């Protein structure tokens, strides 16, 4: 399964989880990856490489 997320908010790697839609998308993406999904994540504010 291939899924893409487009979000204006995502937890910054150095601050950890703080709640909100960004953390929810991160948790969902990690769960889907664990089930064998292929995830693309694009933030409209920041660029993240290999951080899901």
Protein backbone atom coordinates (compact mmCIF):
# COMPACT_ATOMS: atom_id res chain seq x y z
CA UNK A 1 0.00 0.00 0.00
CA UNK A 2 1.31 3.45 -0.91
CA UNK A 3 0.15 6.46 1.10
CA UNK A 4 1.15 10.13 0.95
CA UNK A 5 0.57 12.68 3.69
CA UNK A 6 0.64 16.42 3.04
CA UNK A 7 0.67 18.42 6.26
CA UNK A 8 1.55 21.91 7.46
CA UNK A 9 2.63 20.50 10.83
CA UNK A 10 4.97 17.67 11.82
CA UNK A 11 6.98 17.14 15.02
CA UNK A 12 10.55 18.41 14.74
CA UNK A 13 13.07 15.62 15.45
CA UNK A 14 14.77 17.51 18.30
CA UNK A 15 11.60 18.46 20.17
CA UNK A 16 9.80 15.13 20.21
CA UNK A 17 6.04 14.67 20.27
CA UNK A 18 3.93 17.51 21.53
CA UNK A 19 0.41 16.54 20.44
CA UNK A 20 -1.69 17.91 17.62
CA UNK A 21 -2.26 16.80 14.04
CA UNK A 22 1.46 16.51 13.30
CA UNK A 23 1.99 13.94 16.04
CA UNK A 24 -1.12 12.05 14.95
CA UNK A 25 0.17 11.86 11.37
CA UNK A 26 3.57 10.69 12.62
CA UNK A 27 2.00 7.93 14.74
CA UNK A 28 -0.24 6.83 11.87
CA UNK A 29 2.70 6.79 9.42
CA UNK A 30 4.82 4.71 11.82
CA UNK A 31 1.97 2.22 12.27
CA UNK A 32 1.46 1.90 8.52
CA UNK A 33 5.19 1.41 7.98
CA UNK A 34 5.17 -1.36 10.57
CA UNK A 35 2.41 -3.05 8.54
CA UNK A 36 4.50 -2.90 5.35
CA UNK A 37 3.12 0.30 3.85
CA UNK A 38 5.15 2.75 1.77
CA UNK A 39 4.80 6.27 3.18
CA UNK A 40 5.62 9.66 1.67
CA UNK A 41 5.44 12.66 3.92
CA UNK A 42 5.54 16.25 2.74
CA UNK A 43 5.31 19.23 5.03
CA UNK A 44 4.35 22.59 3.62
CA UNK A 45 6.67 24.30 6.13
CA UNK A 46 9.65 21.97 6.55
CA UNK A 47 11.47 19.21 4.71
CA UNK A 48 12.15 15.95 6.53
CA UNK A 49 14.39 13.19 5.24
CA UNK A 50 14.18 9.73 6.81
CA UNK A 51 12.21 10.91 9.80
CA UNK A 52 8.93 9.07 10.19
